[in-house]
Amino acid sequence: MIQNASAGDGSELAWFKSSYSDTSNGHDCVEVATTPHTIHIRDSKNANGPHLSLAPTTWADFLVYAAGG
């Protein structure tokens, strides 16, 4: 896992909101952007702030864990 504070602002990435984010407040969301080798995660309230960069296998492992399985 890499906390990516200095690798650019992420504007070149195609960010989308998590389907599990609370839709009653559009600004309280987790956003994800994928590339072939990296999954990027950021807080929509601080889109220009740091984001996490994970290997796809690490992201897949996290999703299994978060789903309770």
N, C-alpha and C. Protein backbone atom coordinates (compact mmCIF):
# COMPACT_ATOMS: atom_id res chain seq x y z
N MET A 1 0.85 -1.16 0.00
CA MET A 1 0.00 0.00 0.00
C MET A 1 0.90 1.23 0.00
N ILE A 2 0.50 2.23 -0.78
CA ILE A 2 1.27 3.46 -0.90
C ILE A 2 0.34 4.64 -0.62
N GLN A 3 0.70 5.52 0.28
CA GLN A 3 -0.07 6.75 0.43
C GLN A 3 0.53 7.72 -0.55
N ASN A 4 -0.25 8.11 -1.52
CA ASN A 4 0.25 8.80 -2.69
C ASN A 4 0.01 10.30 -2.57
N ALA A 5 0.80 10.99 -1.77
CA ALA A 5 0.59 12.42 -1.57
C ALA A 5 1.33 13.27 -2.58
N SER A 6 2.34 12.74 -3.25
CA SER A 6 3.14 13.58 -4.12
C SER A 6 3.16 13.11 -5.57
N ALA A 7 2.35 12.16 -5.91
CA ALA A 7 2.38 11.61 -7.26
C ALA A 7 1.36 12.27 -8.17
N GLY A 8 1.09 13.55 -7.98
CA GLY A 8 0.11 14.25 -8.80
C GLY A 8 -1.23 14.30 -8.11
N ASP A 9 -2.14 15.03 -8.72
CA ASP A 9 -3.44 15.23 -8.08
C ASP A 9 -4.46 14.19 -8.48
N GLY A 10 -4.12 13.26 -9.34
CA GLY A 10 -5.06 12.21 -9.72
C GLY A 10 -6.06 12.65 -10.76
N SER A 11 -5.91 13.86 -11.30
CA SER A 11 -6.90 14.37 -12.25
C SER A 11 -6.93 13.57 -13.55
N GLU A 12 -5.85 12.88 -13.88
CA GLU A 12 -5.81 12.08 -15.11
C GLU A 12 -6.54 10.75 -14.95
N LEU A 13 -6.94 10.42 -13.74
CA LEU A 13 -7.63 9.16 -13.47
C LEU A 13 -9.14 9.34 -13.63
N ALA A 14 -9.83 8.27 -14.00
CA ALA A 14 -11.29 8.28 -14.13
C ALA A 14 -11.88 7.79 -12.81
N TRP A 15 -12.22 8.71 -11.92
CA TRP A 15 -12.72 8.39 -10.59
C TRP A 15 -14.21 8.08 -10.65
N PHE A 16 -14.65 7.11 -9.84
CA PHE A 16 -16.08 6.84 -9.69
C PHE A 16 -16.37 6.58 -8.21
N LYS A 17 -17.61 6.86 -7.82
CA LYS A 17 -18.00 6.69 -6.43
C LYS A 17 -18.35 5.24 -6.14
N SER A 18 -18.02 4.82 -4.95
CA SER A 18 -18.36 3.48 -4.50
C SER A 18 -19.87 3.31 -4.47
N SER A 19 -20.34 2.16 -4.92
CA SER A 19 -21.78 1.88 -4.87
C SER A 19 -22.26 1.70 -3.44
N TYR A 20 -21.36 1.55 -2.49
CA TYR A 20 -21.71 1.40 -1.08
C TYR A 20 -21.67 2.71 -0.31
N SER A 21 -21.30 3.80 -0.97
CA SER A 21 -21.26 5.10 -0.29
C SER A 21 -22.67 5.61 -0.05
N ASP A 22 -22.84 6.38 1.00
CA ASP A 22 -24.13 6.97 1.36
C ASP A 22 -24.51 8.00 0.31
N THR A 23 -25.61 7.78 -0.39
CA THR A 23 -26.03 8.69 -1.45
C THR A 23 -26.85 9.87 -0.93
N SER A 24 -27.19 9.91 0.36
CA SER A 24 -27.95 11.03 0.89
C SER A 24 -27.11 12.30 0.96
N ASN A 25 -25.81 12.15 1.00
CA ASN A 25 -24.90 13.29 0.96
C ASN A 25 -23.82 12.96 -0.06
N GLY A 26 -23.94 13.55 -1.24
CA GLY A 26 -23.05 13.23 -2.35
C GLY A 26 -21.59 13.50 -2.13
N HIS A 27 -21.27 14.21 -1.05
CA HIS A 27 -19.86 14.53 -0.79
C HIS A 27 -19.21 13.59 0.22
N ASP A 28 -19.97 12.67 0.79
CA ASP A 28 -19.43 11.73 1.77
C ASP A 28 -19.26 10.37 1.10
N CYS A 29 -18.30 10.29 0.21
CA CYS A 29 -18.14 9.08 -0.57
C CYS A 29 -16.68 8.66 -0.67
N VAL A 30 -16.50 7.40 -0.87
CA VAL A 30 -15.21 6.87 -1.26
C VAL A 30 -15.23 6.82 -2.78
N GLU A 31 -14.15 7.27 -3.41
CA GLU A 31 -14.04 7.21 -4.86
C GLU A 31 -12.88 6.30 -5.23
N VAL A 32 -13.04 5.61 -6.34
CA VAL A 32 -12.05 4.64 -6.81
C VAL A 32 -11.73 4.95 -8.26
N ALA A 33 -10.48 4.77 -8.63
CA ALA A 33 -10.04 4.85 -10.02
C ALA A 33 -9.14 3.65 -10.27
N THR A 34 -9.33 3.00 -11.40
CA THR A 34 -8.52 1.82 -11.69
C THR A 34 -7.63 2.05 -12.91
N THR A 35 -6.47 1.45 -12.85
CA THR A 35 -5.57 1.36 -14.00
C THR A 35 -5.18 -0.12 -14.09
N PRO A 36 -4.53 -0.54 -15.14
CA PRO A 36 -4.21 -1.96 -15.26
C PRO A 36 -3.39 -2.53 -14.10
N HIS A 37 -2.59 -1.70 -13.46
CA HIS A 37 -1.69 -2.21 -12.42
C HIS A 37 -1.93 -1.64 -11.04
N THR A 38 -2.89 -0.71 -10.90
CA THR A 38 -3.09 -0.03 -9.62
C THR A 38 -4.55 0.33 -9.42
N ILE A 39 -5.00 0.22 -8.18
CA ILE A 39 -6.32 0.68 -7.77
C ILE A 39 -6.07 1.90 -6.87
N HIS A 40 -6.71 3.02 -7.19
CA HIS A 40 -6.55 4.25 -6.42
C HIS A 40 -7.84 4.50 -5.64
N ILE A 41 -7.71 4.93 -4.38
CA ILE A 41 -8.85 5.20 -3.52
C ILE A 41 -8.65 6.56 -2.89
N ARG A 42 -9.75 7.39 -2.87
CA ARG A 42 -9.65 8.70 -2.25
C ARG A 42 -10.97 9.06 -1.57
N ASP A 43 -10.91 10.06 -0.72
CA ASP A 43 -12.07 10.61 -0.04
C ASP A 43 -12.62 11.73 -0.92
N SER A 44 -13.88 11.66 -1.31
CA SER A 44 -14.45 12.67 -2.20
C SER A 44 -14.48 14.06 -1.57
N LYS A 45 -14.45 14.14 -0.23
CA LYS A 45 -14.43 15.44 0.42
C LYS A 45 -13.09 16.15 0.25
N ASN A 46 -12.06 15.41 -0.14
CA ASN A 46 -10.73 15.98 -0.32
C ASN A 46 -10.13 15.41 -1.61
N ALA A 47 -10.79 15.69 -2.71
CA ALA A 47 -10.40 15.10 -3.99
C ALA A 47 -8.97 15.47 -4.41
N ASN A 48 -8.47 16.61 -3.98
CA ASN A 48 -7.11 17.01 -4.34
C ASN A 48 -6.08 16.58 -3.30
N GLY A 49 -6.55 15.91 -2.26
CA GLY A 49 -5.65 15.45 -1.20
C GLY A 49 -5.00 14.12 -1.55
N PRO A 50 -4.36 13.52 -0.58
CA PRO A 50 -3.68 12.24 -0.83
C PRO A 50 -4.69 11.13 -1.12
N HIS A 51 -4.22 10.14 -1.84
CA HIS A 51 -5.04 8.95 -2.07
C HIS A 51 -4.17 7.71 -1.90
N LEU A 52 -4.84 6.60 -1.70
CA LEU A 52 -4.13 5.33 -1.56
C LEU A 52 -4.00 4.67 -2.90
N SER A 53 -2.90 4.00 -3.14
CA SER A 53 -2.68 3.22 -4.35
C SER A 53 -2.38 1.79 -3.93
N LEU A 54 -3.17 0.86 -4.44
CA LEU A 54 -3.03 -0.55 -4.08
C LEU A 54 -2.84 -1.42 -5.31
N ALA A 55 -2.16 -2.52 -5.13
CA ALA A 55 -2.09 -3.54 -6.18
C ALA A 55 -3.47 -4.17 -6.32
N PRO A 56 -3.87 -4.56 -7.52
CA PRO A 56 -5.19 -5.18 -7.70
C PRO A 56 -5.43 -6.38 -6.79
N THR A 57 -4.42 -7.18 -6.51
CA THR A 57 -4.62 -8.34 -5.63
C THR A 57 -4.89 -7.90 -4.20
N THR A 58 -4.24 -6.82 -3.75
CA THR A 58 -4.49 -6.29 -2.41
C THR A 58 -5.91 -5.75 -2.32
N TRP A 59 -6.37 -5.05 -3.33
CA TRP A 59 -7.73 -4.52 -3.38
C TRP A 59 -8.74 -5.68 -3.35
N ALA A 60 -8.49 -6.71 -4.12
CA ALA A 60 -9.40 -7.87 -4.15
C ALA A 60 -9.47 -8.53 -2.77
N ASP A 61 -8.33 -8.67 -2.11
CA ASP A 61 -8.31 -9.23 -0.76
C ASP A 61 -9.10 -8.37 0.21
N PHE A 62 -8.96 -7.04 0.09
CA PHE A 62 -9.71 -6.13 0.95
C PHE A 62 -11.21 -6.27 0.72
N LEU A 63 -11.63 -6.36 -0.53
CA LEU A 63 -13.06 -6.50 -0.83
C LEU A 63 -13.65 -7.76 -0.21
N VAL A 64 -12.90 -8.85 -0.27
CA VAL A 64 -13.36 -10.09 0.36
C VAL A 64 -13.51 -9.88 1.87
N TYR A 65 -12.51 -9.25 2.47
CA TYR A 65 -12.54 -8.97 3.91
C TYR A 65 -13.72 -8.05 4.26
N ALA A 66 -13.90 -6.97 3.50
CA ALA A 66 -14.97 -6.02 3.79
C ALA A 66 -16.36 -6.63 3.62
N ALA A 67 -16.47 -7.59 2.73
CA ALA A 67 -17.75 -8.26 2.51
C ALA A 67 -18.04 -9.30 3.60
N GLY A 68 -17.07 -9.53 4.46
CA GLY A 68 -17.26 -10.47 5.56
C GLY A 68 -16.99 -11.91 5.17
N GLY A 69 -16.32 -12.09 4.05
CA GLY A 69 -16.08 -13.45 3.62
C GLY A 69 -14.67 -13.78 3.56
